Protein backbone atom coordinates (compact mmCIF):
# COMPACT_ATOMS: atom_id res chain seq x y z
CA MET A 1 168.55 -35.05 14.91
CA ASN A 2 166.95 -31.43 15.20
CA ALA A 3 167.12 -29.87 18.70
CA SER A 4 163.90 -28.91 20.35
CA PRO A 5 162.98 -25.19 20.36
CA SER A 6 164.63 -23.15 23.27
CA ILE A 7 162.31 -21.94 26.28
CA ASN A 8 162.43 -19.11 28.47
CA VAL A 9 161.30 -19.48 32.20
CA PHE A 10 160.78 -16.64 34.59
CA ALA A 11 162.48 -16.79 37.97
CA PRO A 12 160.86 -14.50 40.42
CA ALA A 13 162.58 -12.80 43.31
CA LYS A 14 160.74 -12.86 46.52
CA LEU A 15 160.09 -10.75 49.56
CA ASN A 16 159.60 -12.01 53.21
CA LEU A 17 156.73 -9.75 54.25
CA PHE A 18 156.61 -11.10 57.68
CA LEU A 19 159.46 -13.24 59.16
CA ALA A 20 159.50 -14.38 62.73
CA VAL A 21 162.42 -16.75 63.76
CA THR A 22 160.74 -18.57 66.75
CA GLY A 23 163.65 -20.63 68.10
CA ARG A 24 166.29 -23.02 67.51
CA ARG A 25 165.75 -26.78 66.99
CA ALA A 26 167.85 -29.70 68.53
CA ASP A 27 169.30 -30.20 65.09
CA GLY A 28 170.75 -26.71 65.03
CA PHE A 29 168.43 -25.34 62.40
CA HIS A 30 165.61 -22.80 63.26
CA ASP A 31 162.00 -22.60 63.03
CA LEU A 32 160.24 -19.82 61.58
CA VAL A 33 156.84 -18.29 60.54
CA SER A 34 156.86 -16.29 57.37
CA LEU A 35 154.48 -14.76 54.95
CA VAL A 36 156.46 -14.75 51.58
CA ALA A 37 155.27 -13.23 48.23
CA PRO A 38 156.93 -13.63 44.79
CA LEU A 39 157.67 -10.47 42.92
CA ASP A 40 156.92 -9.47 39.19
CA PHE A 41 160.76 -8.89 39.07
CA GLY A 42 163.49 -11.54 38.71
CA ASP A 43 165.73 -13.53 36.48
CA THR A 44 165.07 -15.26 33.17
CA LEU A 45 166.42 -18.81 32.64
CA ARG A 46 166.72 -19.92 28.84
CA LEU A 47 167.00 -23.53 28.12
CA ALA A 48 168.52 -24.29 24.72
CA PRO A 49 168.54 -27.98 23.79
CA THR A 50 172.21 -28.83 22.29
CA GLY A 51 170.86 -31.58 20.02
CA ALA A 52 173.52 -33.91 21.37
CA ALA A 53 172.92 -37.57 21.96
CA VAL A 54 175.54 -37.70 24.59
CA GLY A 55 176.58 -34.87 26.65
CA ALA A 56 175.99 -32.76 29.69
CA ASP A 57 173.98 -29.87 30.87
CA ALA A 58 175.98 -26.57 30.86
CA LEU A 59 175.38 -23.01 32.20
CA ALA A 60 176.20 -19.66 30.96
CA CYS A 61 175.76 -16.33 32.81
CA ALA A 62 177.15 -12.89 32.04
CA ALA A 63 176.57 -11.41 35.38
CA PRO A 64 180.06 -11.16 37.33
CA GLY A 65 180.46 -13.34 40.36
CA VAL A 66 177.96 -15.95 39.32
CA PRO A 67 179.47 -19.42 39.26
CA THR A 68 178.64 -21.48 36.21
CA ASP A 69 180.13 -24.77 37.48
CA ALA A 70 178.31 -27.53 39.08
CA SER A 71 178.16 -25.48 42.35
CA ASN A 72 175.39 -23.37 40.92
CA LEU A 73 171.81 -24.32 41.84
CA VAL A 74 170.70 -24.53 38.28
CA LEU A 75 172.95 -27.40 37.50
CA LYS A 76 172.38 -29.00 40.88
CA ALA A 77 168.67 -28.90 40.18
CA ALA A 78 169.21 -30.35 36.57
CA ALA A 79 171.44 -33.12 38.09
CA ALA A 80 168.65 -33.99 40.75
CA TRP A 81 165.85 -33.87 38.12
CA ARG A 82 167.75 -36.32 35.86
CA ALA A 83 168.66 -38.67 38.77
CA ALA A 84 165.04 -38.86 39.73
CA GLY A 85 164.39 -40.31 36.25
CA GLY A 86 163.46 -37.17 34.11
CA ARG A 87 164.35 -37.48 30.59
CA ALA A 88 164.95 -34.35 28.30
CA PRO A 89 167.51 -33.33 25.77
CA TRP A 90 170.72 -31.94 27.20
CA VAL A 91 170.47 -28.18 27.43
CA ARG A 92 172.56 -25.23 27.65
CA PHE A 93 171.23 -22.98 30.40
CA GLU A 94 171.45 -19.14 29.87
CA LEU A 95 170.77 -17.22 33.02
CA GLU A 96 169.96 -13.51 32.74
CA LYS A 97 170.61 -12.42 36.23
CA ARG A 98 168.70 -9.48 37.76
CA THR A 99 167.94 -10.52 41.19
CA PRO A 100 170.95 -9.41 43.47
CA ALA A 101 172.84 -12.26 45.04
CA GLY A 102 173.38 -12.11 48.86
CA ALA A 103 170.06 -10.30 49.10
CA GLY A 104 167.77 -12.52 50.85
CA MET A 105 165.50 -12.32 47.73
CA GLY A 106 165.87 -16.10 46.90
CA GLY A 107 167.59 -15.57 43.58
CA GLY A 108 169.42 -18.85 43.49
CA SER A 109 166.61 -20.94 44.73
CA SER A 110 164.21 -19.43 42.11
CA ASP A 111 166.80 -20.02 39.44
CA ALA A 112 166.92 -23.70 40.50
CA VAL A 113 163.06 -24.04 40.33
CA ALA A 114 162.95 -22.46 36.90
CA ALA A 115 165.39 -25.15 35.91
CA LEU A 116 163.13 -27.84 37.11
CA ARG A 117 160.06 -26.14 35.45
CA GLY A 118 162.00 -25.75 32.22
CA LEU A 119 163.11 -29.37 31.94
CA GLN A 120 159.55 -30.56 32.82
CA GLY A 121 158.50 -28.48 29.74
CA LEU A 122 161.16 -30.05 27.57
CA ALA A 123 160.85 -33.50 29.00
CA GLU A 124 160.08 -36.77 27.04
CA SER A 125 159.47 -38.27 30.40
CA PRO A 126 158.80 -35.71 33.11
CA VAL A 127 159.16 -36.15 36.87
CA ALA A 128 155.86 -36.51 38.96
CA GLU A 129 154.76 -33.42 40.49
CA ALA A 130 155.03 -34.98 44.00
CA ARG A 131 158.44 -36.16 43.32
CA LEU A 132 159.47 -32.52 41.98
CA ALA A 133 158.35 -31.02 45.21
CA GLU A 134 160.61 -33.44 47.17
CA LEU A 135 163.33 -32.47 44.81
CA ALA A 136 162.86 -28.74 45.39
CA ALA A 137 162.93 -29.20 49.14
CA THR A 138 166.44 -30.81 48.88
CA LEU A 139 167.87 -27.92 46.94
CA GLY A 140 167.09 -25.08 49.29
CA SER A 141 164.54 -23.89 51.88
CA ASP A 142 163.12 -21.23 49.49
CA CYS A 143 162.72 -23.75 46.64
CA PRO A 144 159.25 -25.15 47.68
CA LEU A 145 157.92 -21.58 47.81
CA PHE A 146 158.81 -20.85 44.19
CA LEU A 147 157.53 -24.18 43.12
CA ALA A 148 154.20 -23.05 44.56
CA GLY A 149 154.52 -19.85 42.67
CA ALA A 150 152.20 -17.72 44.84
CA PRO A 151 152.02 -15.79 48.17
CA THR A 152 152.54 -18.58 50.83
CA ILE A 153 152.94 -18.98 54.57
CA MET A 154 156.21 -20.94 55.46
CA ARG A 155 156.79 -22.75 58.71
CA GLY A 156 159.42 -25.18 59.93
CA ARG A 157 162.60 -24.58 58.34
CA GLY A 158 160.77 -23.35 55.38
CA GLU A 159 159.40 -26.68 54.13
CA ARG A 160 155.91 -26.52 55.44
CA LEU A 161 153.67 -24.44 53.27
CA GLU A 162 150.17 -23.19 53.68
CA PHE A 163 148.60 -21.51 50.66
CA LEU A 164 146.51 -18.36 51.20
CA GLU A 165 142.81 -18.15 50.53
CA ALA A 166 141.78 -16.35 47.46
CA GLY A 167 140.64 -13.33 49.28
CA GLU A 168 144.04 -13.17 51.12
CA ARG A 169 146.10 -13.42 48.13
CA ALA A 170 143.88 -10.49 46.51
CA ARG A 171 144.95 -8.18 49.26
CA LEU A 172 148.71 -8.94 48.47
CA THR A 173 148.71 -9.21 44.52
CA GLY A 174 149.67 -6.00 42.86
CA ARG A 175 150.81 -4.06 45.90
CA ARG A 176 153.68 -2.08 44.62
CA VAL A 177 157.04 -1.90 46.61
CA LEU A 178 160.40 -0.21 46.57
CA VAL A 179 162.94 -3.00 46.67
CA CYS A 180 166.77 -1.83 47.41
CA ARG A 181 169.98 -3.57 48.32
CA PRO A 182 173.17 -1.77 49.31
CA GLY A 183 176.55 -2.61 47.86
CA PHE A 184 177.16 -5.49 50.42
CA GLY A 185 175.56 -8.58 51.37
CA ILE A 186 174.79 -10.10 54.82
CA ASP A 187 176.25 -13.56 55.58
CA THR A 188 173.12 -15.75 56.53
CA PRO A 189 175.13 -17.83 59.20
CA TRP A 190 176.32 -14.70 60.89
CA ALA A 191 172.78 -13.24 61.15
CA TYR A 192 171.39 -16.50 62.54
CA GLY A 193 174.65 -16.64 64.98
CA ARG A 194 173.57 -13.12 66.17
CA LEU A 195 170.05 -14.46 66.89
CA VAL A 196 171.59 -17.39 68.79
CA ALA A 197 173.83 -15.10 70.77
CA GLY A 198 170.77 -12.91 71.70
CA ALA A 199 168.60 -15.65 72.75
CA PRO A 200 165.90 -16.02 74.08
CA GLY A 201 164.91 -12.38 73.62
CA SER A 202 166.12 -12.34 69.94
CA TYR A 203 163.42 -14.91 69.08
CA THR A 204 159.56 -14.35 68.56
CA PRO A 205 157.40 -16.62 70.62
CA ALA A 206 155.70 -18.96 68.23
CA ALA A 207 152.19 -18.09 69.65
CA GLU A 208 152.87 -14.48 69.26
CA ALA A 209 153.93 -14.73 65.66
CA GLU A 210 150.83 -17.00 64.70
CA ALA A 211 148.60 -14.54 66.51
CA ARG A 212 149.94 -11.60 64.57
CA LEU A 213 149.58 -13.47 61.16
CA ALA A 214 146.10 -14.60 62.06
CA ALA A 215 145.11 -11.05 62.67
CA TRP A 216 146.05 -9.93 59.22
CA ARG A 217 144.47 -13.06 57.78
CA ARG A 218 141.13 -12.19 59.45
CA GLY A 219 141.39 -8.51 58.11
CA ASP A 220 141.75 -7.13 61.60
CA VAL A 221 144.89 -5.28 60.60
CA GLU A 222 146.34 -3.89 57.30
CA LEU A 223 149.43 -5.41 55.72
CA GLU A 224 151.61 -2.37 57.04
CA ALA A 225 150.81 -3.42 60.64
CA LEU A 226 152.03 -7.01 59.87
CA LEU A 227 155.40 -6.36 58.53
CA ALA A 228 158.16 -7.43 60.78
CA ASN A 229 161.53 -9.35 60.59
CA SER A 230 163.61 -11.12 63.32
CA PHE A 231 166.84 -10.29 61.59
CA GLU A 232 166.18 -6.67 61.30
CA ALA A 233 167.32 -5.65 64.78
CA VAL A 234 170.80 -7.33 64.46
CA ALA A 235 171.24 -6.26 60.84
CA PHE A 236 170.26 -2.60 61.57
CA ALA A 237 172.62 -2.60 64.54
CA LYS A 238 175.68 -3.75 62.59
CA PHE A 239 175.25 -2.17 59.26
CA VAL A 240 174.52 1.42 59.62
CA ALA A 241 173.70 2.12 56.10
CA LEU A 242 170.32 0.42 56.63
CA PRO A 243 168.87 2.57 59.55
CA VAL A 244 170.42 5.62 57.85
CA LEU A 245 168.21 4.99 54.66
CA ALA A 246 165.29 3.87 56.75
CA GLU A 247 165.29 7.28 58.56
CA ARG A 248 165.70 9.16 55.38
CA LEU A 249 162.73 7.19 53.71
CA ARG A 250 160.68 8.06 56.70
CA ALA A 251 161.30 11.49 56.92
CA ARG A 252 161.34 12.45 53.32
CA CYS A 253 158.84 10.00 51.73
CA GLY A 254 156.77 8.69 54.54
CA LEU A 255 157.85 5.06 53.94
CA ARG A 256 158.71 2.27 56.36
CA LEU A 257 161.85 0.17 55.34
CA HIS A 258 161.95 -3.50 56.23
CA LEU A 259 164.46 -6.16 55.77
CA THR A 260 163.75 -9.26 53.68
CA GLY A 261 165.11 -12.58 54.68
CA SER A 262 168.35 -12.18 56.59
CA GLY A 263 169.18 -9.27 54.25
CA SER A 264 170.77 -7.21 52.89
CA ALA A 265 167.83 -6.21 50.54
CA CYS A 266 165.06 -4.18 52.08
CA PHE A 267 161.75 -3.08 50.89
CA ALA A 268 158.90 -0.52 51.53
CA LEU A 269 155.28 -0.69 50.64
CA LEU A 270 154.28 2.20 48.44
CA PRO A 271 150.95 4.11 48.63
CA GLU A 272 148.56 3.38 45.66
CA ALA A 273 149.44 6.48 43.77
CA ASP A 274 153.25 6.68 44.60
CA THR A 275 155.36 5.82 41.55
CA GLY A 276 158.41 5.35 43.87
CA SER A 277 160.53 7.69 41.99
CA ALA A 278 161.12 9.95 44.91
CA ALA A 279 162.19 6.80 47.09
CA LEU A 280 164.43 5.49 44.32
CA ALA A 281 166.26 8.95 44.31
CA GLU A 282 166.71 8.72 48.05
CA VAL A 283 168.08 5.25 47.58
CA ARG A 284 170.71 6.37 45.05
CA ALA A 285 171.63 9.51 47.19
CA CYS A 286 172.14 7.55 50.33
CA TRP A 287 173.65 4.38 49.23
CA GLY A 288 175.31 5.35 45.86
CA ALA A 289 175.37 4.22 42.36
CA GLU A 290 176.56 0.58 43.31
CA ALA A 291 173.19 0.08 45.05
CA PHE A 292 170.39 -1.85 43.59
CA ALA A 293 167.06 -0.28 43.63
CA THR A 294 163.77 -0.88 41.59
CA VAL A 295 160.00 -0.69 41.95
CA ALA A 296 158.03 -4.03 41.58
CA ALA A 297 154.71 -5.55 42.39
CA LEU A 298 153.88 -8.47 44.64
CA GLY A 299 152.77 -11.47 42.62
């Protein structure tokens, strides 16, 4: 039996352009309001059917530190898809990793959704789209966003999505950004723990967050005035490399640096004519060769 052709699926990284953590819930999780946009930068997941009648899915990745066993979200997504009734040839997943781990850019979640989409494309019997959305929500809080594949407002734990109107999307799509990550990550439970320790002042009131977002949606303020992140204060206070670069970019390039997710990746909106070359040079001069830095566009 001949194996089906291999397919490649793009797994975009994301940025939280606006992230307001509004409080802690009775179940221990946090509520948030966030405007999130995918980038034209990310990973590539290749699905190569093995042609085996009996077997299992496998994962290969050359990037150091990326697990290739059942703990990886790619294989978790594949197992969940098959358990939900999806039927497709057994595949070898080959992950080309570009999105840095531990960055707040959603790399693992995006890879998981790429696995779901790839299996749907190879399927003899696909999973219904409604069920696919349910599967995505069980895999990670960012997965529903990547399944949507467009700039989106996230609420609750991230599972409640509101899609932007066409005009709102047009104000985001194509905006170029500097994206950078120092040579260390930030532990998400630690970041949430610092918000808990600083409560209630560390949280943004839900009404305030919604009002700020609504002002941008109406066109009353530009995107630059919306940018904010509840984790920024605690991250910048602990990890001095972040405010040091922020001040350097402000003074030398006129850019404002912001955290995405709980970090440690940061971003800065670039003016239309700015190629980002000067900002990239500042990142490397400040954070060294081990730092990740690129220029990308909002999707």
